[in-house]
C-alpha atoms as a PDB file:
ATOM      1  CA  MET A   1      99.135 109.795 106.564  1.00  0.00           C
ATOM      2  CA  ASP A   2      99.555 112.821 104.854  1.00  0.00           C
ATOM      3  CA  ASP A   3     100.522 116.554 106.740  1.00  0.00           C
ATOM      4  CA  HIS A   4      96.816 116.756 108.652  1.00  0.00           C
ATOM      5  CA  SER A   5      97.597 113.320 110.335  1.00  0.00           C
ATOM      6  CA  LYS A   6      96.925 113.540 114.493  1.00  0.00           C
ATOM      7  CA  HIS A   7      98.514 111.910 117.035  1.00  0.00           C
ATOM      8  CA  ILE A   8      96.340 110.937 119.752  1.00  0.00           C
ATOM      9  CA  GLN A   9      97.203 109.499 123.120  1.00  0.00           C
ATOM     10  CA  PHE A  10      96.932 105.334 123.237  1.00  0.00           C
ATOM     11  CA  PHE A  11      98.791 104.336 126.279  1.00  0.00           C
ATOM     12  CA  THR A  12     100.856 105.436 129.194  1.00  0.00           C
ATOM     13  CA  GLY A  13     103.206 103.732 130.954  1.00  0.00           C
ATOM     14  CA  SER A  14     107.000 102.214 132.503  1.00  0.00           C
ATOM     15  CA  LEU A  15     109.657 103.105 129.709  1.00  0.00           C
ATOM     16  CA  ILE A  16     109.654  99.926 130.041  1.00  0.00           C
ATOM     17  CA  GLU A  17     106.230  98.820 128.802  1.00  0.00           C
ATOM     18  CA  ILE A  18     106.100 101.675 125.742  1.00  0.00           C
ATOM     19  CA  GLN A  19     109.585  99.901 124.347  1.00  0.00           C
ATOM     20  CA  ARG A  20     107.893  96.143 124.695  1.00  0.00           C
ATOM     21  CA  LEU A  21     104.451  97.917 122.879  1.00  0.00           C
ATOM     22  CA  GLN A  22     106.329 100.191 120.073  1.00  0.00           C
ATOM     23  CA  LEU A  23     107.774  97.116 119.052  1.00  0.00           C
ATOM     24  CA  ASP A  24     104.471  95.212 118.493  1.00  0.00           C
ATOM     25  CA  LEU A  25     103.657  98.401 116.819  1.00  0.00           C
ATOM     26  CA  ASP A  26     106.536  97.964 114.926  1.00  0.00           C
ATOM     27  CA  ALA A  27     105.551  94.932 113.937  1.00  0.00           C
ATOM     28  CA  ASN A  28     102.345  95.482 113.037  1.00  0.00           C
ATOM     29  CA  GLN A  29     103.640  98.199 110.669  1.00  0.00           C
ATOM     30  CA  ILE A  30     102.035 101.801 113.422  1.00  0.00           C
ATOM     31  CA  PRO A  31     104.358 104.197 114.051  1.00  0.00           C
ATOM     32  CA  SER A  32     105.099 105.402 117.078  1.00  0.00           C
ATOM     33  CA  LEU A  33     105.460 108.622 118.829  1.00  0.00           C
ATOM     34  CA  VAL A  34     107.014 108.450 122.414  1.00  0.00           C
ATOM     35  CA  LYS A  35     106.851 111.402 124.499  1.00  0.00           C
ATOM     36  CA  ASN A  36     108.945 111.475 128.318  1.00  0.00           C
ATOM     37  CA  ASN A  37     108.822 114.644 129.661  1.00  0.00           C
ATOM     38  CA  PHE A  38     111.286 113.324 132.736  1.00  0.00           C
ATOM     39  CA  GLN A  39     113.782 112.023 130.618  1.00  0.00           C
ATOM     40  CA  SER A  40     113.653 115.815 128.635  1.00  0.00           C
ATOM     41  CA  GLY A  41     113.323 116.980 131.757  1.00  0.00           C
ATOM     42  CA  LEU A  42     116.982 116.371 132.330  1.00  0.00           C
ATOM     43  CA  ARG A  43     118.884 116.487 129.258  1.00  0.00           C
ATOM     44  CA  SER A  44     117.819 119.784 129.956  1.00  0.00           C
ATOM     45  CA  GLY A  45     118.731 120.040 133.174  1.00  0.00           C
ATOM     46  CA  PHE A  46     115.152 120.448 134.838  1.00  0.00           C
ATOM     47  CA  TYR A  47     113.639 118.055 137.214  1.00  0.00           C
ATOM     48  CA  GLY A  48     109.927 117.587 135.754  1.00  0.00           C
ATOM     49  CA  GLY A  49     107.566 114.691 134.789  1.00  0.00           C
ATOM     50  CA  SER A  50     107.669 111.228 136.659  1.00  0.00           C
ATOM     51  CA  PRO A  51     110.446 108.721 135.137  1.00  0.00           C
ATOM     52  CA  SER A  52     106.959 106.136 135.401  1.00  0.00           C
ATOM     53  CA  LEU A  53     104.806 108.277 133.225  1.00  0.00           C
ATOM     54  CA  VAL A  54     105.833 107.828 129.316  1.00  0.00           C
ATOM     55  CA  GLU A  55     103.053 108.705 127.103  1.00  0.00           C
ATOM     56  CA  LEU A  56     102.847 106.804 123.525  1.00  0.00           C
ATOM     57  CA  PHE A  57     101.044 108.230 120.681  1.00  0.00           C
ATOM     58  CA  ILE A  58      99.618 106.883 116.948  1.00  0.00           C
ATOM     59  CA  TYR A  59      98.158 108.844 114.124  1.00  0.00           C
ATOM     60  CA  GLU A  60      94.511 108.878 114.592  1.00  0.00           C
ATOM     61  CA  GLU A  61      94.060 106.593 111.814  1.00  0.00           C
ATOM     62  CA  ASP A  62      95.905 103.930 112.572  1.00  0.00           C
ATOM     63  CA  LEU A  63      93.412 103.216 116.345  1.00  0.00           C
ATOM     64  CA  GLU A  64      91.332 100.961 115.233  1.00  0.00           C
ATOM     65  CA  LYS A  65      94.483  98.390 113.481  1.00  0.00           C
ATOM     66  CA  ALA A  66      96.204  99.375 116.871  1.00  0.00           C
ATOM     67  CA  ARG A  67      93.284  98.264 118.894  1.00  0.00           C
ATOM     68  CA  PRO A  68      94.217  94.490 118.846  1.00  0.00           C
ATOM     69  CA  VAL A  69      97.213  95.490 119.467  1.00  0.00           C
ATOM     70  CA  LEU A  70      96.923  96.958 122.384  1.00  0.00           C
ATOM     71  CA  GLU A  71      94.466  94.284 123.758  1.00  0.00           C
ATOM     72  CA  LYS A  72      97.072  91.883 123.186  1.00  0.00           C
ATOM     73  CA  PHE A  73      99.953  93.603 125.355  1.00  0.00           C
ATOM     74  CA  LYS A  74      97.605  94.491 127.821  1.00  0.00           C
ATOM     75  CA  LYS A  75      97.199  90.718 127.998  1.00  0.00           C
ATOM     76  CA  ALA A  76     100.883  90.145 128.220  1.00  0.00           C
ATOM     77  CA  ILE A  77     101.535  92.420 130.823  1.00  0.00           C
ATOM     78  CA  ASN A  78      98.534  91.537 132.941  1.00  0.00           C
ATOM     79  CA  LEU A  79      96.483  95.391 133.218  1.00  0.00           C
END
């Protein structure tokens, strides 16, 4: 990864789902970034977003490596 690496949205779900998927990605040395508008709004004193819609982003160049991790995760949670 370099300074020009681009994040792409990889999965949207509940915070619990995102945290579990993040553990699986970490185990495969795939860095990720979580965007939680609901929690960010609460911390800022605003209400907005949905607590059940948390976004997980990965680097675009990690997409092929991350796809099998996502498929295994989806099977485990019956998606």
